[in-house]
């Protein structure tokens, strides 16, 4: 489960940010996952809960947002979809993947300001 290693890196960033800005606790953390990142959201959430204990992120809400992929359907044209699929949700025809992100990006952090 590579989500554990990803979560360790994410928590490293969060601990560094908290130290730089003097934040004692974090309330919410927003992360954007590219459609082709290979990250299983549920596994990342589980790892975050388990590994954040004892860090400023302990108890923080992890908000995951999937960056949609851009697909093309010969009948319907270009579409943005949040999940990888082989059939057009509008007409059922075959889809061609045009582009989709592989990134995992820390977008925003909401600290408790004291």
PDB file of N, CA and C in Angstrom:
ATOM      1  N   UNK A   1       0.847  -1.167   0.000  1.00  0.00           N
ATOM      2  CA  UNK A   1       0.000   0.000   0.000  1.00  0.00           C
ATOM      3  C   UNK A   1       0.897   1.236   0.000  1.00  0.00           C
ATOM      4  N   UNK A   2       1.070   1.841  -1.167  1.00  0.00           N
ATOM      5  CA  UNK A   2       1.948   2.999  -1.271  1.00  0.00           C
ATOM      6  C   UNK A   2       1.333   4.260  -0.677  1.00  0.00           C
ATOM      7  N   UNK A   3       0.066   4.211  -0.315  1.00  0.00           N
ATOM      8  CA  UNK A   3      -0.578   5.358   0.322  1.00  0.00           C
ATOM      9  C   UNK A   3       0.081   5.689   1.665  1.00  0.00           C
ATOM     10  N   UNK A   4       0.658   4.703   2.331  1.00  0.00           N
ATOM     11  CA  UNK A   4       1.346   4.955   3.602  1.00  0.00           C
ATOM     12  C   UNK A   4       2.563   5.844   3.356  1.00  0.00           C
ATOM     13  N   UNK A   5       3.366   5.522   2.350  1.00  0.00           N
ATOM     14  CA  UNK A   5       4.537   6.340   2.030  1.00  0.00           C
ATOM     15  C   UNK A   5       4.125   7.738   1.577  1.00  0.00           C
ATOM     16  N   UNK A   6       3.069   7.817   0.797  1.00  0.00           N
ATOM     17  CA  UNK A   6       2.562   9.112   0.346  1.00  0.00           C
ATOM     18  C   UNK A   6       2.102   9.933   1.541  1.00  0.00           C
ATOM     19  N   UNK A   7       1.395   9.299   2.462  1.00  0.00           N
ATOM     20  CA  UNK A   7       0.902   9.982   3.645  1.00  0.00           C
ATOM     21  C   UNK A   7       2.058  10.450   4.539  1.00  0.00           C
ATOM     22  N   UNK A   8       3.099   9.641   4.649  1.00  0.00           N
ATOM     23  CA  UNK A   8       4.265  10.051   5.437  1.00  0.00           C
ATOM     24  C   UNK A   8       4.884  11.319   4.853  1.00  0.00           C
ATOM     25  N   UNK A   9       4.981  11.387   3.525  1.00  0.00           N
ATOM     26  CA  UNK A   9       5.528  12.581   2.876  1.00  0.00           C
ATOM     27  C   UNK A   9       4.601  13.784   3.088  1.00  0.00           C
ATOM     28  N   UNK A  10       3.297  13.561   2.963  1.00  0.00           N
ATOM     29  CA  UNK A  10       2.321  14.632   3.184  1.00  0.00           C
ATOM     30  C   UNK A  10       2.423  15.155   4.613  1.00  0.00           C
ATOM     31  N   UNK A  11       2.480  14.257   5.579  1.00  0.00           N
ATOM     32  CA  UNK A  11       2.586  14.672   6.975  1.00  0.00           C
ATOM     33  C   UNK A  11       3.903  15.393   7.245  1.00  0.00           C
ATOM     34  N   UNK A  12       4.961  14.999   6.550  1.00  0.00           N
ATOM     35  CA  UNK A  12       6.230  15.716   6.671  1.00  0.00           C
ATOM     36  C   UNK A  12       6.082  17.165   6.229  1.00  0.00           C
ATOM     37  N   UNK A  13       5.374  17.374   5.126  1.00  0.00           N
ATOM     38  CA  UNK A  13       5.112  18.737   4.650  1.00  0.00           C
ATOM     39  C   UNK A  13       4.274  19.512   5.663  1.00  0.00           C
ATOM     40  N   UNK A  14       3.252  18.863   6.203  1.00  0.00           N
ATOM     41  CA  UNK A  14       2.364  19.537   7.149  1.00  0.00           C
ATOM     42  C   UNK A  14       3.083  19.906   8.441  1.00  0.00           C
ATOM     43  N   UNK A  15       3.925  19.020   8.932  1.00  0.00           N
ATOM     44  CA  UNK A  15       4.690  19.306  10.150  1.00  0.00           C
ATOM     45  C   UNK A  15       5.653  20.462   9.899  1.00  0.00           C
ATOM     46  N   UNK A  16       6.287  20.478   8.737  1.00  0.00           N
ATOM     47  CA  UNK A  16       7.208  21.571   8.386  1.00  0.00           C
ATOM     48  C   UNK A  16       6.454  22.901   8.296  1.00  0.00           C
ATOM     49  N   UNK A  17       5.288  22.897   7.643  1.00  0.00           N
ATOM     50  CA  UNK A  17       4.484  24.122   7.535  1.00  0.00           C
ATOM     51  C   UNK A  17       4.043  24.614   8.910  1.00  0.00           C
ATOM     52  N   UNK A  18       3.606  23.678   9.741  1.00  0.00           N
ATOM     53  CA  UNK A  18       3.168  24.048  11.092  1.00  0.00           C
ATOM     54  C   UNK A  18       4.325  24.674  11.870  1.00  0.00           C
ATOM     55  N   UNK A  19       5.506  24.106  11.744  1.00  0.00           N
ATOM     56  CA  UNK A  19       6.679  24.656  12.419  1.00  0.00           C
ATOM     57  C   UNK A  19       7.050  26.034  11.897  1.00  0.00           C
ATOM     58  N   UNK A  20       6.993  26.225  10.594  1.00  0.00           N
ATOM     59  CA  UNK A  20       7.348  27.514   9.984  1.00  0.00           C
ATOM     60  C   UNK A  20       6.391  28.625  10.403  1.00  0.00           C
ATOM     61  N   UNK A  21       5.109  28.282  10.549  1.00  0.00           N
ATOM     62  CA  UNK A  21       4.098  29.294  10.817  1.00  0.00           C
ATOM     63  C   UNK A  21       3.633  29.333  12.272  1.00  0.00           C
ATOM     64  N   UNK A  22       4.155  28.443  13.108  1.00  0.00           N
ATOM     65  CA  UNK A  22       3.785  28.421  14.515  1.00  0.00           C
ATOM     66  C   UNK A  22       2.397  27.867  14.786  1.00  0.00           C
ATOM     67  N   UNK A  23       1.920  27.000  13.901  1.00  0.00           N
ATOM     68  CA  UNK A  23       0.599  26.394  14.091  1.00  0.00           C
ATOM     69  C   UNK A  23       0.726  25.197  15.027  1.00  0.00           C
ATOM     70  N   UNK A  24      -0.133  25.139  16.045  1.00  0.00           N
ATOM     71  CA  UNK A  24      -0.076  23.998  16.952  1.00  0.00           C
ATOM     72  C   UNK A  24      -0.963  22.852  16.469  1.00  0.00           C
ATOM     73  N   UNK A  25      -2.068  23.199  15.804  1.00  0.00           N
ATOM     74  CA  UNK A  25      -3.013  22.167  15.335  1.00  0.00           C
ATOM     75  C   UNK A  25      -3.563  22.575  13.979  1.00  0.00           C
ATOM     76  N   UNK A  26      -3.933  21.568  13.220  1.00  0.00           N
ATOM     77  CA  UNK A  26      -4.579  21.784  11.931  1.00  0.00           C
ATOM     78  C   UNK A  26      -6.015  21.291  12.013  1.00  0.00           C
ATOM     79  N   UNK A  27      -6.909  22.024  11.380  1.00  0.00           N
ATOM     80  CA  UNK A  27      -8.324  21.660  11.381  1.00  0.00           C
ATOM     81  C   UNK A  27      -8.655  20.852  10.132  1.00  0.00           C
ATOM     82  N   UNK A  28      -8.154  21.332   8.984  1.00  0.00           N
ATOM     83  CA  UNK A  28      -8.515  20.736   7.699  1.00  0.00           C
ATOM     84  C   UNK A  28      -7.335  20.822   6.753  1.00  0.00           C
ATOM     85  N   UNK A  29      -7.209  19.784   5.921  1.00  0.00           N
ATOM     86  CA  UNK A  29      -6.139  19.711   4.916  1.00  0.00           C
ATOM     87  C   UNK A  29      -6.782  19.313   3.589  1.00  0.00           C
ATOM     88  N   UNK A  30      -6.564  20.138   2.559  1.00  0.00           N
ATOM     89  CA  UNK A  30      -7.121  19.860   1.233  1.00  0.00           C
ATOM     90  C   UNK A  30      -6.029  19.311   0.327  1.00  0.00           C
ATOM     91  N   UNK A  31      -6.330  18.192  -0.311  1.00  0.00           N
ATOM     92  CA  UNK A  31      -5.390  17.536  -1.228  1.00  0.00           C
ATOM     93  C   UNK A  31      -6.124  17.235  -2.530  1.00  0.00           C
ATOM     94  N   UNK A  32      -5.473  17.546  -3.650  1.00  0.00           N
ATOM     95  CA  UNK A  32      -6.046  17.237  -4.964  1.00  0.00           C
ATOM     96  C   UNK A  32      -5.308  16.030  -5.540  1.00  0.00           C
ATOM     97  N   UNK A  33      -6.095  15.034  -5.946  1.00  0.00           N
ATOM     98  CA  UNK A  33      -5.553  13.811  -6.537  1.00  0.00           C
ATOM     99  C   UNK A  33      -5.835  13.809  -8.033  1.00  0.00           C
ATOM    100  N   UNK A  34      -4.797  13.632  -8.827  1.00  0.00           N
ATOM    101  CA  UNK A  34      -5.003  13.455 -10.250  1.00  0.00           C
ATOM    102  C   UNK A  34      -5.702  12.130 -10.503  1.00  0.00           C
ATOM    103  N   UNK A  35      -6.520  12.096 -11.534  1.00  0.00           N
ATOM    104  CA  UNK A  35      -7.296  10.894 -11.847  1.00  0.00           C
ATOM    105  C   UNK A  35      -6.401   9.666 -12.020  1.00  0.00           C
ATOM    106  N   UNK A  36      -5.206   9.867 -12.568  1.00  0.00           N
ATOM    107  CA  UNK A  36      -4.284   8.745 -12.796  1.00  0.00           C
ATOM    108  C   UNK A  36      -3.160   8.678 -11.764  1.00  0.00           C
ATOM    109  N   UNK A  37      -3.379   9.266 -10.589  1.00  0.00           N
ATOM    110  CA  UNK A  37      -2.347   9.263  -9.550  1.00  0.00           C
ATOM    111  C   UNK A  37      -2.097   7.864  -8.987  1.00  0.00           C
ATOM    112  N   UNK A  38      -3.079   6.990  -9.118  1.00  0.00           N
ATOM    113  CA  UNK A  38      -2.937   5.644  -8.572  1.00  0.00           C
ATOM    114  C   UNK A  38      -3.212   5.569  -7.080  1.00  0.00           C
ATOM    115  N   UNK A  39      -3.640   6.670  -6.496  1.00  0.00           N
ATOM    116  CA  UNK A  39      -3.914   6.712  -5.062  1.00  0.00           C
ATOM    117  C   UNK A  39      -5.355   6.282  -4.811  1.00  0.00           C
ATOM    118  N   UNK A  40      -5.527   5.380  -3.869  1.00  0.00           N
ATOM    119  CA  UNK A  40      -6.855   4.945  -3.444  1.00  0.00           C
ATOM    120  C   UNK A  40      -7.277   5.886  -2.308  1.00  0.00           C
ATOM    121  N   UNK A  41      -8.284   6.741  -2.552  1.00  0.00           N
ATOM    122  CA  UNK A  41      -8.655   7.736  -1.547  1.00  0.00           C
ATOM    123  C   UNK A  41      -8.915   7.157  -0.156  1.00  0.00           C
ATOM    124  N   UNK A  42      -9.623   6.046  -0.079  1.00  0.00           N
ATOM    125  CA  UNK A  42      -9.941   5.450   1.225  1.00  0.00           C
ATOM    126  C   UNK A  42      -8.678   5.010   1.952  1.00  0.00           C
ATOM    127  N   UNK A  43      -7.717   4.482   1.211  1.00  0.00           N
ATOM    128  CA  UNK A  43      -6.458   4.045   1.826  1.00  0.00           C
ATOM    129  C   UNK A  43      -5.653   5.245   2.321  1.00  0.00           C
ATOM    130  N   UNK A  44      -5.673   6.332   1.563  1.00  0.00           N
ATOM    131  CA  UNK A  44      -4.968   7.537   1.995  1.00  0.00           C
ATOM    132  C   UNK A  44      -5.620   8.118   3.244  1.00  0.00           C
ATOM    133  N   UNK A  45      -6.938   8.132   3.289  1.00  0.00           N
ATOM    134  CA  UNK A  45      -7.652   8.621   4.476  1.00  0.00           C
ATOM    135  C   UNK A  45      -7.324   7.776   5.701  1.00  0.00           C
ATOM    136  N   UNK A  46      -7.297   6.453   5.522  1.00  0.00           N
ATOM    137  CA  UNK A  46      -6.962   5.554   6.627  1.00  0.00           C
ATOM    138  C   UNK A  46      -5.542   5.812   7.119  1.00  0.00           C
ATOM    139  N   UNK A  47      -4.597   5.923   6.187  1.00  0.00           N
ATOM    140  CA  UNK A  47      -3.206   6.177   6.557  1.00  0.00           C
ATOM    141  C   UNK A  47      -3.072   7.521   7.261  1.00  0.00           C
ATOM    142  N   UNK A  48      -3.781   8.526   6.783  1.00  0.00           N
ATOM    143  CA  UNK A  48      -3.714   9.854   7.395  1.00  0.00           C
ATOM    144  C   UNK A  48      -4.182   9.800   8.841  1.00  0.00           C
ATOM    145  N   UNK A  49      -5.287   9.139   9.084  1.00  0.00           N
ATOM    146  CA  UNK A  49      -5.818   9.018  10.446  1.00  0.00           C
ATOM    147  C   UNK A  49      -4.824   8.281  11.344  1.00  0.00           C
ATOM    148  N   UNK A  50      -4.270   7.192  10.835  1.00  0.00           N
ATOM    149  CA  UNK A  50      -3.355   6.374  11.642  1.00  0.00           C
ATOM    150  C   UNK A  50      -2.013   7.057  11.889  1.00  0.00           C
ATOM    151  N   UNK A  51      -1.467   7.700  10.876  1.00  0.00           N
ATOM    152  CA  UNK A  51      -0.110   8.248  10.976  1.00  0.00           C
ATOM    153  C   UNK A  51      -0.050   9.665  11.534  1.00  0.00           C
ATOM    154  N   UNK A  52      -1.177  10.368  11.567  1.00  0.00           N
ATOM    155  CA  UNK A  52      -1.149  11.759  12.029  1.00  0.00           C
ATOM    156  C   UNK A  52      -1.131  11.887  13.550  1.00  0.00           C
ATOM    157  N   UNK A  53      -1.328  10.782  14.251  1.00  0.00           N
ATOM    158  CA  UNK A  53      -1.301  10.820  15.722  1.00  0.00           C
ATOM    159  C   UNK A  53       0.011  11.417  16.205  1.00  0.00           C
ATOM    160  N   UNK A  54      -0.098  12.367  17.131  1.00  0.00           N
ATOM    161  CA  UNK A  54       1.092  12.997  17.689  1.00  0.00           C
ATOM    162  C   UNK A  54       1.662  14.123  16.835  1.00  0.00           C
ATOM    163  N   UNK A  55       1.001  14.464  15.740  1.00  0.00           N
ATOM    164  CA  UNK A  55       1.443  15.563  14.882  1.00  0.00           C
ATOM    165  C   UNK A  55       0.398  16.679  14.941  1.00  0.00           C
ATOM    166  N   UNK A  56       0.718  17.861  14.430  1.00  0.00           N
ATOM    167  CA  UNK A  56      -0.295  18.925  14.387  1.00  0.00           C
ATOM    168  C   UNK A  56      -1.534  18.545  13.568  1.00  0.00           C
ATOM    169  N   UNK A  57      -1.422  17.537  12.710  1.00  0.00           N
ATOM    170  CA  UNK A  57      -2.548  17.111  11.872  1.00  0.00           C
ATOM    171  C   UNK A  57      -3.454  16.093  12.552  1.00  0.00           C
ATOM    172  N   UNK A  58      -3.123  15.690  13.769  1.00  0.00           N
ATOM    173  CA  UNK A  58      -3.960  14.713  14.463  1.00  0.00           C
ATOM    174  C   UNK A  58      -5.378  15.258  14.613  1.00  0.00           C
ATOM    175  N   UNK A  59      -6.355  14.490  14.172  1.00  0.00           N
ATOM    176  CA  UNK A  59      -7.751  14.891  14.259  1.00  0.00           C
ATOM    177  C   UNK A  59      -8.217  15.819  13.148  1.00  0.00           C
ATOM    178  N   UNK A  60      -7.307  16.241  12.277  1.00  0.00           N
ATOM    179  CA  UNK A  60      -7.687  17.134  11.180  1.00  0.00           C
ATOM    180  C   UNK A  60      -8.492  16.372  10.129  1.00  0.00           C
ATOM    181  N   UNK A  61      -9.376  17.081   9.465  1.00  0.00           N
ATOM    182  CA  UNK A  61     -10.148  16.499   8.378  1.00  0.00           C
ATOM    183  C   UNK A  61      -9.318  16.539   7.099  1.00  0.00           C
ATOM    184  N   UNK A  62      -9.202  15.413   6.442  1.00  0.00           N
ATOM    185  CA  UNK A  62      -8.514  15.330   5.155  1.00  0.00           C
ATOM    186  C   UNK A  62      -9.579  15.423   4.064  1.00  0.00           C
ATOM    187  N   UNK A  63      -9.519  16.493   3.280  1.00  0.00           N
ATOM    188  CA  UNK A  63     -10.492  16.716   2.213  1.00  0.00           C
ATOM    189  C   UNK A  63      -9.815  16.379   0.893  1.00  0.00           C
ATOM    190  N   UNK A  64     -10.298  15.321   0.239  1.00  0.00           N
ATOM    191  CA  UNK A  64      -9.710  14.874  -1.012  1.00  0.00           C
ATOM    192  C   UNK A  64     -10.588  15.297  -2.182  1.00  0.00           C
ATOM    193  N   UNK A  65      -9.951  15.864  -3.160  1.00  0.00           N
ATOM    194  CA  UNK A  65     -10.639  16.320  -4.365  1.00  0.00           C
ATOM    195  C   UNK A  65      -9.958  15.644  -5.560  1.00  0.00           C
ATOM    196  N   UNK A  66     -10.744  14.988  -6.401  1.00  0.00           N
ATOM    197  CA  UNK A  66     -10.180  14.336  -7.580  1.00  0.00           C
ATOM    198  C   UNK A  66     -10.158  15.312  -8.744  1.00  0.00           C
ATOM    199  N   UNK A  67      -8.976  15.480  -9.325  1.00  0.00           N
ATOM    200  CA  UNK A  67      -8.856  16.307 -10.525  1.00  0.00           C
ATOM    201  C   UNK A  67      -9.403  15.499 -11.695  1.00  0.00           C
ATOM    202  N   UNK A  68     -10.403  16.012 -12.386  1.00  0.00           N
ATOM    203  CA  UNK A  68     -11.026  15.223 -13.455  1.00  0.00           C
ATOM    204  C   UNK A  68     -10.092  14.985 -14.624  1.00  0.00           C
ATOM    205  N   UNK A  69     -10.393  13.941 -15.367  1.00  0.00           N
ATOM    206  CA  UNK A  69      -9.682  13.648 -16.597  1.00  0.00           C
ATOM    207  C   UNK A  69     -10.453  14.201 -17.779  1.00  0.00           C
ATOM    208  N   UNK A  70      -9.751  14.453 -18.847  1.00  0.00           N
ATOM    209  CA  UNK A  70     -10.381  14.955 -20.072  1.00  0.00           C
ATOM    210  C   UNK A  70     -10.440  13.817 -21.081  1.00  0.00           C
ATOM    211  N   UNK A  71     -11.635  13.515 -21.506  1.00  0.00           N
ATOM    212  CA  UNK A  71     -11.893  12.406 -22.422  1.00  0.00           C
ATOM    213  C   UNK A  71     -12.540  12.943 -23.688  1.00  0.00           C
ATOM    214  N   UNK A  72     -12.498  12.123 -24.735  1.00  0.00           N
ATOM    215  CA  UNK A  72     -13.182  12.467 -25.984  1.00  0.00           C
ATOM    216  C   UNK A  72     -14.070  11.310 -26.398  1.00  0.00           C
ATOM    217  N   UNK A  73     -15.282  11.662 -26.808  1.00  0.00           N
ATOM    218  CA  UNK A  73     -16.236  10.703 -27.357  1.00  0.00           C
ATOM    219  C   UNK A  73     -16.496  11.136 -28.795  1.00  0.00           C
ATOM    220  N   UNK A  74     -16.483  10.195 -29.714  1.00  0.00           N
ATOM    221  CA  UNK A  74     -16.688  10.517 -31.128  1.00  0.00           C
ATOM    222  C   UNK A  74     -18.059  11.147 -31.375  1.00  0.00           C
ATOM    223  N   UNK A  75     -19.033  10.819 -30.541  1.00  0.00           N
ATOM    224  CA  UNK A  75     -20.388  11.338 -30.721  1.00  0.00           C
ATOM    225  C   UNK A  75     -20.617  12.615 -29.903  1.00  0.00           C
ATOM    226  N   UNK A  76     -20.212  12.608 -28.656  1.00  0.00           N
ATOM    227  CA  UNK A  76     -20.544  13.696 -27.723  1.00  0.00           C
ATOM    228  C   UNK A  76     -19.468  14.765 -27.604  1.00  0.00           C
ATOM    229  N   UNK A  77     -18.284  14.513 -28.106  1.00  0.00           N
ATOM    230  CA  UNK A  77     -17.198  15.488 -27.992  1.00  0.00           C
ATOM    231  C   UNK A  77     -16.389  15.291 -26.722  1.00  0.00           C
ATOM    232  N   UNK A  78     -15.769  16.382 -26.253  1.00  0.00           N
ATOM    233  CA  UNK A  78     -14.913  16.305 -25.076  1.00  0.00           C
ATOM    234  C   UNK A  78     -15.735  16.340 -23.797  1.00  0.00           C
ATOM    235  N   UNK A  79     -15.282  15.552 -22.817  1.00  0.00           N
ATOM    236  CA  UNK A  79     -15.945  15.446 -21.523  1.00  0.00           C
ATOM    237  C   UNK A  79     -14.910  15.510 -20.415  1.00  0.00           C
ATOM    238  N   UNK A  80     -15.317  16.012 -19.252  1.00  0.00           N
ATOM    239  CA  UNK A  80     -14.513  15.923 -18.041  1.00  0.00           C
ATOM    240  C   UNK A  80     -15.197  14.925 -17.128  1.00  0.00           C
ATOM    241  N   UNK A  81     -14.437  13.924 -16.666  1.00  0.00           N
ATOM    242  CA  UNK A  81     -14.992  12.897 -15.785  1.00  0.00           C
ATOM    243  C   UNK A  81     -14.106  12.735 -14.561  1.00  0.00           C
ATOM    244  N   UNK A  82     -14.722  12.495 -13.418  1.00  0.00           N
ATOM    245  CA  UNK A  82     -13.982  12.330 -12.174  1.00  0.00           C
ATOM    246  C   UNK A  82     -13.515  10.895 -11.956  1.00  0.00           C
ATOM    247  N   UNK A  83     -13.950   9.973 -12.812  1.00  0.00           N
ATOM    248  CA  UNK A  83     -13.489   8.593 -12.692  1.00  0.00           C
ATOM    249  C   UNK A  83     -13.128   8.074 -14.077  1.00  0.00           C
ATOM    250  N   UNK A  84     -12.188   7.157 -14.097  1.00  0.00           N
ATOM    251  CA  UNK A  84     -11.738   6.595 -15.367  1.00  0.00           C
ATOM    252  C   UNK A  84     -12.764   5.586 -15.846  1.00  0.00           C
ATOM    253  N   UNK A  85     -13.227   5.776 -17.062  1.00  0.00           N
ATOM    254  CA  UNK A  85     -14.236   4.896 -17.615  1.00  0.00           C
ATOM    255  C   UNK A  85     -13.929   4.668 -19.092  1.00  0.00           C
ATOM    256  N   UNK A  86     -14.411   3.568 -19.634  1.00  0.00           N
ATOM    257  CA  UNK A  86     -14.165   3.238 -21.033  1.00  0.00           C
ATOM    258  C   UNK A  86     -15.342   3.590 -21.927  1.00  0.00           C
ATOM    259  N   UNK A  87     -16.496   3.869 -21.315  1.00  0.00           N
ATOM    260  CA  UNK A  87     -17.707   4.162 -22.086  1.00  0.00           C
ATOM    261  C   UNK A  87     -18.227   5.551 -21.732  1.00  0.00           C
ATOM    262  N   UNK A  88     -18.696   6.261 -22.723  1.00  0.00           N
ATOM    263  CA  UNK A  88     -19.266   7.594 -22.537  1.00  0.00           C
ATOM    264  C   UNK A  88     -20.518   7.489 -21.662  1.00  0.00           C
ATOM    265  N   UNK A  89     -20.607   8.313 -20.603  1.00  0.00           N
ATOM    266  CA  UNK A  89     -21.797   8.252 -19.748  1.00  0.00           C
ATOM    267  C   UNK A  89     -23.044   8.814 -20.435  1.00  0.00           C
ATOM    268  N   UNK A  90     -22.866   9.525 -21.545  1.00  0.00           N
ATOM    269  CA  UNK A  90     -24.007  10.113 -22.244  1.00  0.00           C
ATOM    270  C   UNK A  90     -24.586   9.186 -23.305  1.00  0.00           C
ATOM    271  N   UNK A  91     -23.697   8.577 -24.119  1.00  0.00           N
ATOM    272  CA  UNK A  91     -24.200   7.774 -25.228  1.00  0.00           C
ATOM    273  C   UNK A  91     -23.757   6.310 -25.187  1.00  0.00           C
ATOM    274  N   UNK A  92     -22.822   5.981 -24.296  1.00  0.00           N
ATOM    275  CA  UNK A  92     -22.344   4.605 -24.184  1.00  0.00           C
ATOM    276  C   UNK A  92     -21.236   4.262 -25.156  1.00  0.00           C
ATOM    277  N   UNK A  93     -20.853   5.209 -26.013  1.00  0.00           N
ATOM    278  CA  UNK A  93     -19.782   4.969 -26.980  1.00  0.00           C
ATOM    279  C   UNK A  93     -18.417   4.920 -26.318  1.00  0.00           C
ATOM    280  N   UNK A  94     -17.389   4.481 -27.060  1.00  0.00           N
ATOM    281  CA  UNK A  94     -16.048   4.375 -26.485  1.00  0.00           C
ATOM    282  C   UNK A  94     -15.437   5.744 -26.217  1.00  0.00           C
ATOM    283  N   UNK A  95     -14.668   5.818 -25.150  1.00  0.00           N
ATOM    284  CA  UNK A  95     -13.983   7.054 -24.779  1.00  0.00           C
ATOM    285  C   UNK A  95     -12.496   6.942 -25.060  1.00  0.00           C
ATOM    286  N   UNK A  96     -11.902   8.057 -25.399  1.00  0.00           N
ATOM    287  CA  UNK A  96     -10.458   8.160 -25.553  1.00  0.00           C
ATOM    288  C   UNK A  96      -9.969   9.133 -24.486  1.00  0.00           C
ATOM    289  N   UNK A  97      -8.976   8.717 -23.710  1.00  0.00           N
ATOM    290  CA  UNK A  97      -8.406   9.591 -22.696  1.00  0.00           C
ATOM    291  C   UNK A  97      -7.503  10.609 -23.379  1.00  0.00           C
ATOM    292  N   UNK A  98      -7.783  11.882 -23.200  1.00  0.00           N
ATOM    293  CA  UNK A  98      -6.955  12.939 -23.772  1.00  0.00           C
ATOM    294  C   UNK A  98      -5.843  13.340 -22.815  1.00  0.00           C
ATOM    295  N   UNK A  99      -6.235  13.600 -21.572  1.00  0.00           N
ATOM    296  CA  UNK A  99      -5.223  13.895 -20.550  1.00  0.00           C
ATOM    297  C   UNK A  99      -5.850  13.763 -19.172  1.00  0.00           C
ATOM    298  N   UNK A 100      -5.010  13.390 -18.249  1.00  0.00           N
ATOM    299  CA  UNK A 100      -5.421  13.277 -16.849  1.00  0.00           C
ATOM    300  C   UNK A 100      -4.173  13.408 -15.994  1.00  0.00           C
ATOM    301  N   UNK A 101      -4.336  14.052 -14.857  1.00  0.00           N
ATOM    302  CA  UNK A 101      -3.205  14.277 -13.973  1.00  0.00           C
ATOM    303  C   UNK A 101      -2.780  13.038 -13.211  1.00  0.00           C
ATOM    304  N   UNK A 102      -1.501  12.985 -12.939  1.00  0.00           N
ATOM    305  CA  UNK A 102      -0.925  11.929 -12.104  1.00  0.00           C
ATOM    306  C   UNK A 102      -0.471  12.494 -10.766  1.00  0.00           C
ATOM    307  N   UNK A 103      -0.766  13.765 -10.536  1.00  0.00           N
ATOM    308  CA  UNK A 103      -0.248  14.481  -9.382  1.00  0.00           C
ATOM    309  C   UNK A 103      -1.044  14.226  -8.119  1.00  0.00           C
ATOM    310  N   UNK A 104      -0.380  14.489  -7.019  1.00  0.00           N
ATOM    311  CA  UNK A 104      -1.018  14.595  -5.722  1.00  0.00           C
ATOM    312  C   UNK A 104      -0.508  15.918  -5.179  1.00  0.00           C
ATOM    313  N   UNK A 105      -1.408  16.852  -4.921  1.00  0.00           N
ATOM    314  CA  UNK A 105      -1.016  18.212  -4.589  1.00  0.00           C
ATOM    315  C   UNK A 105      -1.653  18.660  -3.286  1.00  0.00           C
ATOM    316  N   UNK A 106      -0.824  19.123  -2.360  1.00  0.00           N
ATOM    317  CA  UNK A 106      -1.313  19.749  -1.136  1.00  0.00           C
ATOM    318  C   UNK A 106      -1.779  21.149  -1.516  1.00  0.00           C
ATOM    319  N   UNK A 107      -3.077  21.397  -1.424  1.00  0.00           N
ATOM    320  CA  UNK A 107      -3.650  22.667  -1.909  1.00  0.00           C
ATOM    321  C   UNK A 107      -3.822  23.716  -0.839  1.00  0.00           C
ATOM    322  N   UNK A 108      -4.297  23.303   0.324  1.00  0.00           N
ATOM    323  CA  UNK A 108      -4.630  24.280   1.354  1.00  0.00           C
ATOM    324  C   UNK A 108      -4.607  23.625   2.724  1.00  0.00           C
ATOM    325  N   UNK A 109      -4.296  24.434   3.733  1.00  0.00           N
ATOM    326  CA  UNK A 109      -4.274  23.960   5.114  1.00  0.00           C
ATOM    327  C   UNK A 109      -5.018  24.983   5.958  1.00  0.00           C
ATOM    328  N   UNK A 110      -5.911  24.509   6.799  1.00  0.00           N
ATOM    329  CA  UNK A 110      -6.605  25.394   7.738  1.00  0.00           C
ATOM    330  C   UNK A 110      -6.105  25.099   9.145  1.00  0.00           C
ATOM    331  N   UNK A 111      -5.321  25.997   9.709  1.00  0.00           N
ATOM    332  CA  UNK A 111      -4.817  25.784  11.062  1.00  0.00           C
ATOM    333  C   UNK A 111      -5.764  26.354  12.110  1.00  0.00           C
ATOM    334  N   UNK A 112      -5.555  25.940  13.337  1.00  0.00           N
ATOM    335  CA  UNK A 112      -6.193  26.608  14.472  1.00  0.00           C
ATOM    336  C   UNK A 112      -5.247  27.726  14.860  1.00  0.00           C
ATOM    337  N   UNK A 113      -5.709  28.936  14.746  1.00  0.00           N
ATOM    338  CA  UNK A 113      -4.868  30.087  15.076  1.00  0.00           C
ATOM    339  C   UNK A 113      -5.042  30.399  16.561  1.00  0.00           C
ATOM    340  N   UNK A 114      -3.896  30.457  17.246  1.00  0.00           N
ATOM    341  CA  UNK A 114      -3.999  30.730  18.686  1.00  0.00           C
ATOM    342  C   UNK A 114      -3.438  32.073  19.040  1.00  0.00           C
TER     343      UNK A 114
END
